[in-house]
Full PDB file with SEQRES, HELIX, SHEET, SSBOND, CRYST1, ORIGX, SCALE, CONECT and MASTER records, all heavy atoms in Angstrom:
SEQRES   1 A   40  GLU GLU PRO GLU GLN SER PRO LYS ARG LYS GLY GLN THR          
SEQRES   2 A   40  LEU ARG LEU ASP GLU GLY ALA TRP LYS GLN LEU LYS HIS          
SEQRES   3 A   40  LEU ALA THR ASP LYS GLY VAL SER ALA HIS ASP LEU LEU          
SEQRES   4 A   40  ILE                                                          
HELIX    1 AA1 GLU A   18  LYS A   31  1                                  14    
HELIX    2 AA2 ALA A   35  LEU A   39  1                                   5    
CRYST1    1.000    1.000    1.000  90.00  90.00  90.00 P 1           1          
ORIGX1      1.000000  0.000000  0.000000        0.00000                         
ORIGX2      0.000000  1.000000  0.000000        0.00000                         
ORIGX3      0.000000  0.000000  1.000000        0.00000                         
SCALE1      1.000000  0.000000  0.000000        0.00000                         
SCALE2      0.000000  1.000000  0.000000        0.00000                         
SCALE3      0.000000  0.000000  1.000000        0.00000                         
ATOM      1  N   GLU A   1     -18.568  21.252 -22.938  1.00  0.00           N  
ATOM      2  CA  GLU A   1     -17.131  21.348 -22.551  1.00  0.00           C  
ATOM      3  C   GLU A   1     -16.929  22.523 -21.660  1.00  0.00           C  
ATOM      4  O   GLU A   1     -17.460  23.601 -21.902  1.00  0.00           O  
ATOM      5  CB  GLU A   1     -16.267  21.519 -23.831  1.00  0.00           C  
ATOM      6  CG  GLU A   1     -16.046  20.285 -24.610  1.00  0.00           C  
ATOM      7  CD  GLU A   1     -15.121  20.574 -25.769  1.00  0.00           C  
ATOM      8  OE1 GLU A   1     -15.611  21.004 -26.843  1.00  0.00           O  
ATOM      9  OE2 GLU A   1     -13.876  20.364 -25.585  1.00  0.00           O  
ATOM     10  N   GLU A   2     -16.147  22.325 -20.594  1.00  0.00           N  
ATOM     11  CA  GLU A   2     -15.818  23.401 -19.674  1.00  0.00           C  
ATOM     12  C   GLU A   2     -14.596  24.089 -20.193  1.00  0.00           C  
ATOM     13  O   GLU A   2     -13.552  23.424 -20.418  1.00  0.00           O  
ATOM     14  CB  GLU A   2     -15.631  22.901 -18.271  1.00  0.00           C  
ATOM     15  CG  GLU A   2     -16.926  22.564 -17.566  1.00  0.00           C  
ATOM     16  CD  GLU A   2     -17.728  23.813 -17.290  1.00  0.00           C  
ATOM     17  OE1 GLU A   2     -17.205  24.826 -16.825  1.00  0.00           O  
ATOM     18  OE2 GLU A   2     -18.961  23.722 -17.450  1.00  0.00           O  
ATOM     19  N   PRO A   3     -14.564  25.412 -20.269  1.00  0.00           N  
ATOM     20  CA  PRO A   3     -13.301  26.124 -20.601  1.00  0.00           C  
ATOM     21  C   PRO A   3     -12.368  26.052 -19.427  1.00  0.00           C  
ATOM     22  O   PRO A   3     -12.775  25.841 -18.296  1.00  0.00           O  
ATOM     23  CB  PRO A   3     -13.739  27.572 -20.839  1.00  0.00           C  
ATOM     24  CG  PRO A   3     -15.084  27.710 -20.170  1.00  0.00           C  
ATOM     25  CD  PRO A   3     -15.684  26.316 -20.138  1.00  0.00           C  
ATOM     26  N   GLU A   4     -11.055  26.127 -19.682  1.00  0.00           N  
ATOM     27  CA  GLU A   4     -10.082  26.085 -18.638  1.00  0.00           C  
ATOM     28  C   GLU A   4     -10.265  27.287 -17.685  1.00  0.00           C  
ATOM     29  O   GLU A   4     -10.561  28.398 -18.144  1.00  0.00           O  
ATOM     30  CB  GLU A   4      -8.664  26.155 -19.220  1.00  0.00           C  
ATOM     31  CG  GLU A   4      -8.222  24.889 -19.904  1.00  0.00           C  
ATOM     32  CD  GLU A   4      -6.776  25.004 -20.413  1.00  0.00           C  
ATOM     33  OE1 GLU A   4      -5.994  25.793 -19.801  1.00  0.00           O  
ATOM     34  OE2 GLU A   4      -6.498  24.305 -21.365  1.00  0.00           O  
ATOM     35  N   GLN A   5     -10.135  27.038 -16.412  1.00  0.00           N  
ATOM     36  CA  GLN A   5     -10.253  28.118 -15.414  1.00  0.00           C  
ATOM     37  C   GLN A   5      -9.006  28.867 -15.334  1.00  0.00           C  
ATOM     38  O   GLN A   5      -7.917  28.290 -15.260  1.00  0.00           O  
ATOM     39  CB  GLN A   5     -10.682  27.537 -14.060  1.00  0.00           C  
ATOM     40  CG  GLN A   5     -12.022  26.859 -14.034  1.00  0.00           C  
ATOM     41  CD  GLN A   5     -13.152  27.812 -14.354  1.00  0.00           C  
ATOM     42  OE1 GLN A   5     -13.156  28.939 -13.911  1.00  0.00           O  
ATOM     43  NE2 GLN A   5     -14.162  27.353 -15.088  1.00  0.00           N  
ATOM     44  N   SER A   6      -9.006  30.158 -15.301  1.00  0.00           N  
ATOM     45  CA  SER A   6      -7.869  31.033 -15.104  1.00  0.00           C  
ATOM     46  C   SER A   6      -8.152  31.896 -13.886  1.00  0.00           C  
ATOM     47  O   SER A   6      -9.314  32.158 -13.548  1.00  0.00           O  
ATOM     48  CB  SER A   6      -7.565  31.809 -16.331  1.00  0.00           C  
ATOM     49  OG  SER A   6      -8.648  32.736 -16.599  1.00  0.00           O  
ATOM     50  N   PRO A   7      -7.058  32.417 -13.263  1.00  0.00           N  
ATOM     51  CA  PRO A   7      -7.307  33.280 -12.101  1.00  0.00           C  
ATOM     52  C   PRO A   7      -8.053  34.528 -12.492  1.00  0.00           C  
ATOM     53  O   PRO A   7      -7.917  34.988 -13.619  1.00  0.00           O  
ATOM     54  CB  PRO A   7      -5.917  33.664 -11.647  1.00  0.00           C  
ATOM     55  CG  PRO A   7      -4.960  33.175 -12.668  1.00  0.00           C  
ATOM     56  CD  PRO A   7      -5.687  32.243 -13.605  1.00  0.00           C  
ATOM     57  N   LYS A   8      -8.896  35.020 -11.588  1.00  0.00           N  
ATOM     58  CA  LYS A   8      -9.627  36.237 -11.918  1.00  0.00           C  
ATOM     59  C   LYS A   8      -8.643  37.390 -11.943  1.00  0.00           C  
ATOM     60  O   LYS A   8      -7.826  37.555 -11.022  1.00  0.00           O  
ATOM     61  CB  LYS A   8     -10.697  36.480 -10.883  1.00  0.00           C  
ATOM     62  CG  LYS A   8     -11.720  35.394 -10.844  1.00  0.00           C  
ATOM     63  CD  LYS A   8     -13.056  35.969 -10.543  1.00  0.00           C  
ATOM     64  CE  LYS A   8     -14.051  34.790 -10.573  1.00  0.00           C  
ATOM     65  NZ  LYS A   8     -15.200  34.981 -11.268  1.00  0.00           N  
ATOM     66  N   ARG A   9      -8.723  38.198 -13.017  1.00  0.00           N  
ATOM     67  CA  ARG A   9      -7.838  39.323 -13.171  1.00  0.00           C  
ATOM     68  C   ARG A   9      -8.656  40.539 -13.549  1.00  0.00           C  
ATOM     69  O   ARG A   9      -9.693  40.449 -14.168  1.00  0.00           O  
ATOM     70  CB  ARG A   9      -6.766  39.031 -14.273  1.00  0.00           C  
ATOM     71  CG  ARG A   9      -5.866  37.927 -13.905  1.00  0.00           C  
ATOM     72  CD  ARG A   9      -4.714  37.870 -14.904  1.00  0.00           C  
ATOM     73  NE  ARG A   9      -3.782  36.858 -14.495  1.00  0.00           N  
ATOM     74  CZ  ARG A   9      -2.607  37.150 -13.971  1.00  0.00           C  
ATOM     75  NH1 ARG A   9      -2.226  38.367 -13.793  1.00  0.00           N  
ATOM     76  NH2 ARG A   9      -1.770  36.152 -13.589  1.00  0.00           N  
ATOM     77  N   LYS A  10      -8.144  41.688 -13.135  1.00  0.00           N  
ATOM     78  CA  LYS A  10      -8.753  42.999 -13.510  1.00  0.00           C  
ATOM     79  C   LYS A  10      -7.717  43.731 -14.288  1.00  0.00           C  
ATOM     80  O   LYS A  10      -6.513  43.557 -14.133  1.00  0.00           O  
ATOM     81  CB  LYS A  10      -9.067  43.721 -12.238  1.00  0.00           C  
ATOM     82  CG  LYS A  10     -10.144  43.135 -11.364  1.00  0.00           C  
ATOM     83  CD  LYS A  10     -11.474  43.510 -11.915  1.00  0.00           C  
ATOM     84  CE  LYS A  10     -12.566  43.348 -10.846  1.00  0.00           C  
ATOM     85  NZ  LYS A  10     -13.779  43.931 -11.314  1.00  0.00           N  
ATOM     86  N   GLY A  11      -8.202  44.608 -15.168  1.00  0.00           N  
ATOM     87  CA  GLY A  11      -7.312  45.398 -16.010  1.00  0.00           C  
ATOM     88  C   GLY A  11      -7.030  46.768 -15.405  1.00  0.00           C  
ATOM     89  O   GLY A  11      -7.859  47.300 -14.670  1.00  0.00           O  
ATOM     90  N   GLN A  12      -5.921  47.357 -15.754  1.00  0.00           N  
ATOM     91  CA  GLN A  12      -5.565  48.714 -15.381  1.00  0.00           C  
ATOM     92  C   GLN A  12      -4.808  49.311 -16.527  1.00  0.00           C  
ATOM     93  O   GLN A  12      -3.837  48.749 -17.004  1.00  0.00           O  
ATOM     94  CB  GLN A  12      -4.680  48.717 -14.106  1.00  0.00           C  
ATOM     95  CG  GLN A  12      -4.190  50.062 -13.677  1.00  0.00           C  
ATOM     96  CD  GLN A  12      -5.345  50.958 -13.251  1.00  0.00           C  
ATOM     97  OE1 GLN A  12      -6.196  50.556 -12.487  1.00  0.00           O  
ATOM     98  NE2 GLN A  12      -5.386  52.152 -13.774  1.00  0.00           N  
ATOM     99  N   THR A  13      -5.242  50.487 -16.960  1.00  0.00           N  
ATOM    100  CA  THR A  13      -4.573  51.150 -18.039  1.00  0.00           C  
ATOM    101  C   THR A  13      -3.420  51.958 -17.525  1.00  0.00           C  
ATOM    102  O   THR A  13      -3.531  52.648 -16.505  1.00  0.00           O  
ATOM    103  CB  THR A  13      -5.527  52.104 -18.797  1.00  0.00           C  
ATOM    104  OG1 THR A  13      -6.610  51.310 -19.286  1.00  0.00           O  
ATOM    105  CG2 THR A  13      -4.904  52.804 -19.905  1.00  0.00           C  
ATOM    106  N   LEU A  14      -2.294  51.891 -18.181  1.00  0.00           N  
ATOM    107  CA  LEU A  14      -1.131  52.711 -17.831  1.00  0.00           C  
ATOM    108  C   LEU A  14      -0.739  53.518 -19.030  1.00  0.00           C  
ATOM    109  O   LEU A  14      -0.549  53.000 -20.141  1.00  0.00           O  
ATOM    110  CB  LEU A  14       0.057  51.713 -17.470  1.00  0.00           C  
ATOM    111  CG  LEU A  14       1.429  52.406 -17.254  1.00  0.00           C  
ATOM    112  CD1 LEU A  14       1.403  53.244 -15.963  1.00  0.00           C  
ATOM    113  CD2 LEU A  14       2.490  51.322 -17.162  1.00  0.00           C  
ATOM    114  N   ARG A  15      -0.640  54.826 -18.843  1.00  0.00           N  
ATOM    115  CA  ARG A  15      -0.289  55.715 -19.915  1.00  0.00           C  
ATOM    116  C   ARG A  15       1.139  56.176 -19.679  1.00  0.00           C  
ATOM    117  O   ARG A  15       1.452  56.745 -18.623  1.00  0.00           O  
ATOM    118  CB  ARG A  15      -1.258  56.861 -20.004  1.00  0.00           C  
ATOM    119  CG  ARG A  15      -2.675  56.384 -20.265  1.00  0.00           C  
ATOM    120  CD  ARG A  15      -3.433  57.345 -21.063  1.00  0.00           C  
ATOM    121  NE  ARG A  15      -4.798  56.875 -21.261  1.00  0.00           N  
ATOM    122  CZ  ARG A  15      -5.201  56.197 -22.306  1.00  0.00           C  
ATOM    123  NH1 ARG A  15      -4.363  55.872 -23.274  1.00  0.00           N  
ATOM    124  NH2 ARG A  15      -6.442  55.793 -22.433  1.00  0.00           N  
ATOM    125  N   LEU A  16       2.028  55.970 -20.619  1.00  0.00           N  
ATOM    126  CA  LEU A  16       3.425  56.415 -20.538  1.00  0.00           C  
ATOM    127  C   LEU A  16       3.696  57.421 -21.657  1.00  0.00           C  
ATOM    128  O   LEU A  16       3.069  57.370 -22.674  1.00  0.00           O  
ATOM    129  CB  LEU A  16       4.315  55.197 -20.720  1.00  0.00           C  
ATOM    130  CG  LEU A  16       4.231  54.081 -19.718  1.00  0.00           C  
ATOM    131  CD1 LEU A  16       5.043  52.873 -20.186  1.00  0.00           C  
ATOM    132  CD2 LEU A  16       4.644  54.526 -18.341  1.00  0.00           C  
ATOM    133  N   ASP A  17       4.686  58.254 -21.353  1.00  0.00           N  
ATOM    134  CA  ASP A  17       5.094  59.163 -22.474  1.00  0.00           C  
ATOM    135  C   ASP A  17       5.811  58.263 -23.492  1.00  0.00           C  
ATOM    136  O   ASP A  17       6.213  57.143 -23.171  1.00  0.00           O  
ATOM    137  CB  ASP A  17       5.914  60.344 -22.004  1.00  0.00           C  
ATOM    138  CG  ASP A  17       7.238  60.015 -21.433  1.00  0.00           C  
ATOM    139  OD1 ASP A  17       7.882  59.005 -21.825  1.00  0.00           O  
ATOM    140  OD2 ASP A  17       7.700  60.794 -20.586  1.00  0.00           O  
ATOM    141  N   GLU A  18       5.969  58.802 -24.691  1.00  0.00           N  
ATOM    142  CA  GLU A  18       6.511  57.977 -25.775  1.00  0.00           C  
ATOM    143  C   GLU A  18       7.905  57.416 -25.497  1.00  0.00           C  
ATOM    144  O   GLU A  18       8.167  56.268 -25.781  1.00  0.00           O  
ATOM    145  CB  GLU A  18       6.541  58.789 -27.083  1.00  0.00           C  
ATOM    146  CG  GLU A  18       6.893  57.940 -28.309  1.00  0.00           C  
ATOM    147  CD  GLU A  18       6.836  58.701 -29.588  1.00  0.00           C  
ATOM    148  OE1 GLU A  18       6.327  59.844 -29.588  1.00  0.00           O  
ATOM    149  OE2 GLU A  18       7.297  58.148 -30.585  1.00  0.00           O  
ATOM    150  N   GLY A  19       8.747  58.209 -24.848  1.00  0.00           N  
ATOM    151  CA  GLY A  19      10.116  57.732 -24.511  1.00  0.00           C  
ATOM    152  C   GLY A  19      10.105  56.578 -23.566  1.00  0.00           C  
ATOM    153  O   GLY A  19      10.827  55.629 -23.717  1.00  0.00           O  
ATOM    154  N   ALA A  20       9.284  56.693 -22.508  1.00  0.00           N  
ATOM    155  CA  ALA A  20       9.185  55.598 -21.518  1.00  0.00           C  
ATOM    156  C   ALA A  20       8.570  54.364 -22.166  1.00  0.00           C  
ATOM    157  O   ALA A  20       9.041  53.206 -21.904  1.00  0.00           O  
ATOM    158  CB  ALA A  20       8.308  56.048 -20.346  1.00  0.00           C  
ATOM    159  N   TRP A  21       7.594  54.564 -23.064  1.00  0.00           N  
ATOM    160  CA  TRP A  21       6.980  53.377 -23.730  1.00  0.00           C  
ATOM    161  C   TRP A  21       8.025  52.665 -24.589  1.00  0.00           C  
ATOM    162  O   TRP A  21       8.125  51.429 -24.552  1.00  0.00           O  
ATOM    163  CB  TRP A  21       5.836  53.851 -24.558  1.00  0.00           C  
ATOM    164  CG  TRP A  21       5.075  52.762 -25.238  1.00  0.00           C  
ATOM    165  CD1 TRP A  21       4.096  51.980 -24.757  1.00  0.00           C  
ATOM    166  CD2 TRP A  21       5.304  52.263 -26.607  1.00  0.00           C  
ATOM    167  NE1 TRP A  21       3.631  51.059 -25.692  1.00  0.00           N  
ATOM    168  CE2 TRP A  21       4.367  51.235 -26.831  1.00  0.00           C  
ATOM    169  CE3 TRP A  21       6.138  52.640 -27.616  1.00  0.00           C  
ATOM    170  CZ2 TRP A  21       4.318  50.564 -28.042  1.00  0.00           C  
ATOM    171  CZ3 TRP A  21       6.053  51.962 -28.803  1.00  0.00           C  
ATOM    172  CH2 TRP A  21       5.188  50.910 -29.006  1.00  0.00           C  
ATOM    173  N   LYS A  22       8.829  53.444 -25.356  1.00  0.00           N  
ATOM    174  CA  LYS A  22       9.822  52.811 -26.219  1.00  0.00           C  
ATOM    175  C   LYS A  22      10.924  52.126 -25.368  1.00  0.00           C  
ATOM    176  O   LYS A  22      11.365  51.070 -25.712  1.00  0.00           O  
ATOM    177  CB  LYS A  22      10.489  53.907 -27.106  1.00  0.00           C  
ATOM    178  CG  LYS A  22       9.642  54.371 -28.250  1.00  0.00           C  
ATOM    179  CD  LYS A  22      10.351  55.364 -29.105  1.00  0.00           C  
ATOM    180  CE  LYS A  22       9.498  55.846 -30.261  1.00  0.00           C  
ATOM    181  NZ  LYS A  22      10.192  56.830 -31.121  1.00  0.00           N  
ATOM    182  N   GLN A  23      11.262  52.759 -24.263  1.00  0.00           N  
ATOM    183  CA  GLN A  23      12.319  52.137 -23.411  1.00  0.00           C  
ATOM    184  C   GLN A  23      11.796  50.848 -22.834  1.00  0.00           C  
ATOM    185  O   GLN A  23      12.570  49.866 -22.737  1.00  0.00           O  
ATOM    186  CB  GLN A  23      12.679  53.126 -22.293  1.00  0.00           C  
ATOM    187  CG  GLN A  23      13.819  52.674 -21.446  1.00  0.00           C  
ATOM    188  CD  GLN A  23      14.390  53.806 -20.590  1.00  0.00           C  
ATOM    189  OE1 GLN A  23      14.965  54.721 -21.128  1.00  0.00           O  
ATOM    190  NE2 GLN A  23      14.141  53.744 -19.293  1.00  0.00           N  
ATOM    191  N   LEU A  24      10.552  50.807 -22.408  1.00  0.00           N  
ATOM    192  CA  LEU A  24       9.902  49.582 -21.895  1.00  0.00           C  
ATOM    193  C   LEU A  24       9.947  48.512 -22.971  1.00  0.00           C  
ATOM    194  O   LEU A  24      10.316  47.339 -22.692  1.00  0.00           O  
ATOM    195  CB  LEU A  24       8.489  49.813 -21.420  1.00  0.00           C  
ATOM    196  CG  LEU A  24       7.709  48.652 -20.929  1.00  0.00           C  
ATOM    197  CD1 LEU A  24       8.319  48.026 -19.658  1.00  0.00           C  
ATOM    198  CD2 LEU A  24       6.251  49.030 -20.668  1.00  0.00           C  
ATOM    199  N   LYS A  25       9.581  48.837 -24.190  1.00  0.00           N  
ATOM    200  CA  LYS A  25       9.548  47.873 -25.305  1.00  0.00           C  
ATOM    201  C   LYS A  25      10.938  47.359 -25.579  1.00  0.00           C  
ATOM    202  O   LYS A  25      11.130  46.143 -25.820  1.00  0.00           O  
ATOM    203  CB  LYS A  25       8.913  48.461 -26.566  1.00  0.00           C  
ATOM    204  CG  LYS A  25       7.419  48.745 -26.430  1.00  0.00           C  
ATOM    205  CD  LYS A  25       6.714  47.453 -26.245  1.00  0.00           C  
ATOM    206  CE  LYS A  25       5.210  47.576 -26.429  1.00  0.00           C  
ATOM    207  NZ  LYS A  25       4.522  46.302 -26.436  1.00  0.00           N  
ATOM    208  N   HIS A  26      11.923  48.230 -25.615  1.00  0.00           N  
ATOM    209  CA  HIS A  26      13.325  47.824 -25.829  1.00  0.00           C  
ATOM    210  C   HIS A  26      13.830  46.917 -24.744  1.00  0.00           C  
ATOM    211  O   HIS A  26      14.464  45.913 -25.019  1.00  0.00           O  
ATOM    212  CB  HIS A  26      14.189  49.042 -25.969  1.00  0.00           C  
ATOM    213  CG  HIS A  26      14.083  49.800 -27.286  1.00  0.00           C  
ATOM    214  ND1 HIS A  26      14.522  49.295 -28.461  1.00  0.00           N  
ATOM    215  CD2 HIS A  26      13.551  51.001 -27.505  1.00  0.00           C  
ATOM    216  CE1 HIS A  26      14.248  50.169 -29.401  1.00  0.00           C  
ATOM    217  NE2 HIS A  26      13.647  51.232 -28.874  1.00  0.00           N  
ATOM    218  N   LEU A  27      13.507  47.242 -23.491  1.00  0.00           N  
ATOM    219  CA  LEU A  27      13.912  46.402 -22.388  1.00  0.00           C  
ATOM    220  C   LEU A  27      13.280  45.043 -22.440  1.00  0.00           C  
ATOM    221  O   LEU A  27      13.951  44.025 -22.249  1.00  0.00           O  
ATOM    222  CB  LEU A  27      13.525  47.092 -21.054  1.00  0.00           C  
ATOM    223  CG  LEU A  27      13.958  46.345 -19.767  1.00  0.00           C  
ATOM    224  CD1 LEU A  27      15.474  46.165 -19.722  1.00  0.00           C  
ATOM    225  CD2 LEU A  27      13.472  47.125 -18.539  1.00  0.00           C  
ATOM    226  N   ALA A  28      12.011  44.988 -22.809  1.00  0.00           N  
ATOM    227  CA  ALA A  28      11.318  43.739 -22.956  1.00  0.00           C  
ATOM    228  C   ALA A  28      11.997  42.887 -24.062  1.00  0.00           C  
ATOM    229  O   ALA A  28      12.201  41.674 -23.877  1.00  0.00           O  
ATOM    230  CB  ALA A  28       9.838  43.954 -23.281  1.00  0.00           C  
ATOM    231  N   THR A  29      12.325  43.517 -25.159  1.00  0.00           N  
ATOM    232  CA  THR A  29      12.989  42.792 -26.261  1.00  0.00           C  
ATOM    233  C   THR A  29      14.354  42.297 -25.803  1.00  0.00           C  
ATOM    234  O   THR A  29      14.715  41.138 -26.062  1.00  0.00           O  
ATOM    235  CB  THR A  29      13.118  43.693 -27.510  1.00  0.00           C  
ATOM    236  OG1 THR A  29      11.809  44.106 -27.869  1.00  0.00           O  
ATOM    237  CG2 THR A  29      13.831  43.023 -28.648  1.00  0.00           C  
ATOM    238  N   ASP A  30      15.153  43.167 -25.163  1.00  0.00           N  
ATOM    239  CA  ASP A  30      16.456  42.801 -24.689  1.00  0.00           C  
ATOM    240  C   ASP A  30      16.396  41.605 -23.716  1.00  0.00           C  
ATOM    241  O   ASP A  30      17.285  40.752 -23.732  1.00  0.00           O  
ATOM    242  CB  ASP A  30      17.147  43.964 -23.983  1.00  0.00           C  
ATOM    243  CG  ASP A  30      17.508  45.096 -24.931  1.00  0.00           C  
ATOM    244  OD1 ASP A  30      17.503  44.885 -26.127  1.00  0.00           O  
ATOM    245  OD2 ASP A  30      17.814  46.249 -24.428  1.00  0.00           O  
ATOM    246  N   LYS A  31      15.410  41.588 -22.835  1.00  0.00           N  
ATOM    247  CA  LYS A  31      15.273  40.505 -21.844  1.00  0.00           C  
ATOM    248  C   LYS A  31      14.521  39.316 -22.364  1.00  0.00           C  
ATOM    249  O   LYS A  31      14.519  38.263 -21.749  1.00  0.00           O  
ATOM    250  CB  LYS A  31      14.507  41.053 -20.617  1.00  0.00           C  
ATOM    251  CG  LYS A  31      15.233  42.142 -19.864  1.00  0.00           C  
ATOM    252  CD  LYS A  31      16.461  41.551 -19.206  1.00  0.00           C  
ATOM    253  CE  LYS A  31      17.210  42.599 -18.365  1.00  0.00           C  
ATOM    254  NZ  LYS A  31      18.426  42.058 -17.846  1.00  0.00           N  
ATOM    255  N   GLY A  32      13.878  39.448 -23.565  1.00  0.00           N  
ATOM    256  CA  GLY A  32      13.147  38.286 -24.143  1.00  0.00           C  
ATOM    257  C   GLY A  32      11.926  37.978 -23.432  1.00  0.00           C  
ATOM    258  O   GLY A  32      11.441  36.833 -23.387  1.00  0.00           O  
ATOM    259  N   VAL A  33      11.242  39.020 -22.826  1.00  0.00           N  
ATOM    260  CA  VAL A  33       9.966  38.832 -22.162  1.00  0.00           C  
ATOM    261  C   VAL A  33       8.992  39.888 -22.678  1.00  0.00           C  
ATOM    262  O   VAL A  33       9.398  40.773 -23.436  1.00  0.00           O  
ATOM    263  CB  VAL A  33      10.101  38.967 -20.621  1.00  0.00           C  
ATOM    264  CG1 VAL A  33      11.043  37.913 -20.066  1.00  0.00           C  
ATOM    265  CG2 VAL A  33      10.635  40.352 -20.207  1.00  0.00           C  
ATOM    266  N   SER A  34       7.781  39.788 -22.311  1.00  0.00           N  
ATOM    267  CA  SER A  34       6.771  40.797 -22.743  1.00  0.00           C  
ATOM    268  C   SER A  34       6.800  42.011 -21.870  1.00  0.00           C  
ATOM    269  O   SER A  34       7.237  41.947 -20.707  1.00  0.00           O  
ATOM    270  CB  SER A  34       5.354  40.184 -22.724  1.00  0.00           C  
ATOM    271  OG  SER A  34       4.944  39.977 -21.414  1.00  0.00           O  
ATOM    272  N   ALA A  35       6.348  43.111 -22.407  1.00  0.00           N  
ATOM    273  CA  ALA A  35       6.266  44.307 -21.643  1.00  0.00           C  
ATOM    274  C   ALA A  35       5.310  44.118 -20.459  1.00  0.00           C  
ATOM    275  O   ALA A  35       5.534  44.610 -19.339  1.00  0.00           O  
ATOM    276  CB  ALA A  35       5.741  45.507 -22.475  1.00  0.00           C  
ATOM    277  N   HIS A  36       4.278  43.340 -20.651  1.00  0.00           N  
ATOM    278  CA  HIS A  36       3.329  43.009 -19.596  1.00  0.00           C  
ATOM    279  C   HIS A  36       4.076  42.278 -18.407  1.00  0.00           C  
ATOM    280  O   HIS A  36       3.816  42.641 -17.247  1.00  0.00           O  
ATOM    281  CB  HIS A  36       2.199  42.110 -20.153  1.00  0.00           C  
ATOM    282  CG  HIS A  36       1.225  41.648 -19.105  1.00  0.00           C  
ATOM    283  ND1 HIS A  36       1.361  40.466 -18.461  1.00  0.00           N  
ATOM    284  CD2 HIS A  36       0.126  42.284 -18.576  1.00  0.00           C  
ATOM    285  CE1 HIS A  36       0.333  40.309 -17.604  1.00  0.00           C  
ATOM    286  NE2 HIS A  36      -0.409  41.427 -17.687  1.00  0.00           N  
ATOM    287  N   ASP A  37       4.936  41.349 -18.746  1.00  0.00           N  
ATOM    288  CA  ASP A  37       5.658  40.671 -17.676  1.00  0.00           C  
ATOM    289  C   ASP A  37       6.517  41.634 -16.903  1.00  0.00           C  
ATOM    290  O   ASP A  37       6.658  41.518 -15.669  1.00  0.00           O  
ATOM    291  CB  ASP A  37       6.528  39.529 -18.257  1.00  0.00           C  
ATOM    292  CG  ASP A  37       5.705  38.357 -18.733  1.00  0.00           C  
ATOM    293  OD1 ASP A  37       4.551  38.182 -18.328  1.00  0.00           O  
ATOM    294  OD2 ASP A  37       6.263  37.542 -19.549  1.00  0.00           O  
ATOM    295  N   LEU A  38       7.164  42.602 -17.584  1.00  0.00           N  
ATOM    296  CA  LEU A  38       7.964  43.599 -16.899  1.00  0.00           C  
ATOM    297  C   LEU A  38       7.103  44.496 -15.993  1.00  0.00           C  
ATOM    298  O   LEU A  38       7.564  44.813 -14.838  1.00  0.00           O  
ATOM    299  CB  LEU A  38       8.736  44.430 -17.885  1.00  0.00           C  
ATOM    300  CG  LEU A  38       9.890  43.756 -18.639  1.00  0.00           C  
ATOM    301  CD1 LEU A  38      10.464  44.729 -19.656  1.00  0.00           C  
ATOM    302  CD2 LEU A  38      10.945  43.227 -17.680  1.00  0.00           C  
ATOM    303  N   LEU A  39       5.947  44.791 -16.440  1.00  0.00           N  
ATOM    304  CA  LEU A  39       5.053  45.649 -15.590  1.00  0.00           C  
ATOM    305  C   LEU A  39       4.558  44.865 -14.390  1.00  0.00           C  
ATOM    306  O   LEU A  39       4.455  45.466 -13.273  1.00  0.00           O  
ATOM    307  CB  LEU A  39       3.902  46.168 -16.463  1.00  0.00           C  
ATOM    308  CG  LEU A  39       4.301  47.196 -17.528  1.00  0.00           C  
ATOM    309  CD1 LEU A  39       3.120  47.479 -18.445  1.00  0.00           C  
ATOM    310  CD2 LEU A  39       4.844  48.467 -16.890  1.00  0.00           C  
ATOM    311  N   ILE A  40       4.311  43.602 -14.514  1.00  0.00           N  
ATOM    312  CA  ILE A  40       3.895  42.760 -13.378  1.00  0.00           C  
ATOM    313  C   ILE A  40       5.037  42.714 -12.344  1.00  0.00           C  
ATOM    314  O   ILE A  40       4.842  42.864 -11.176  1.00  0.00           O  
ATOM    315  CB  ILE A  40       3.492  41.328 -13.812  1.00  0.00           C  
ATOM    316  CG1 ILE A  40       2.231  41.377 -14.680  1.00  0.00           C  
ATOM    317  CG2 ILE A  40       3.343  40.391 -12.620  1.00  0.00           C  
ATOM    318  CD1 ILE A  40       0.987  41.834 -13.945  1.00  0.00           C  
TER     319      ILE A  40                                                      
MASTER        0    0    0    2    0    0    0    6  318    1    0    4          
END                                                                             
């Protein structure tokens, strides 16, 4: 069986201070999307 093909992606670490991290998480929750989607 062949696994589904996905686009090639590379990772990048982002370090935020605690306040910015919390704000990002709250915004993601408010918008109903993931923090990853907001960062993209």
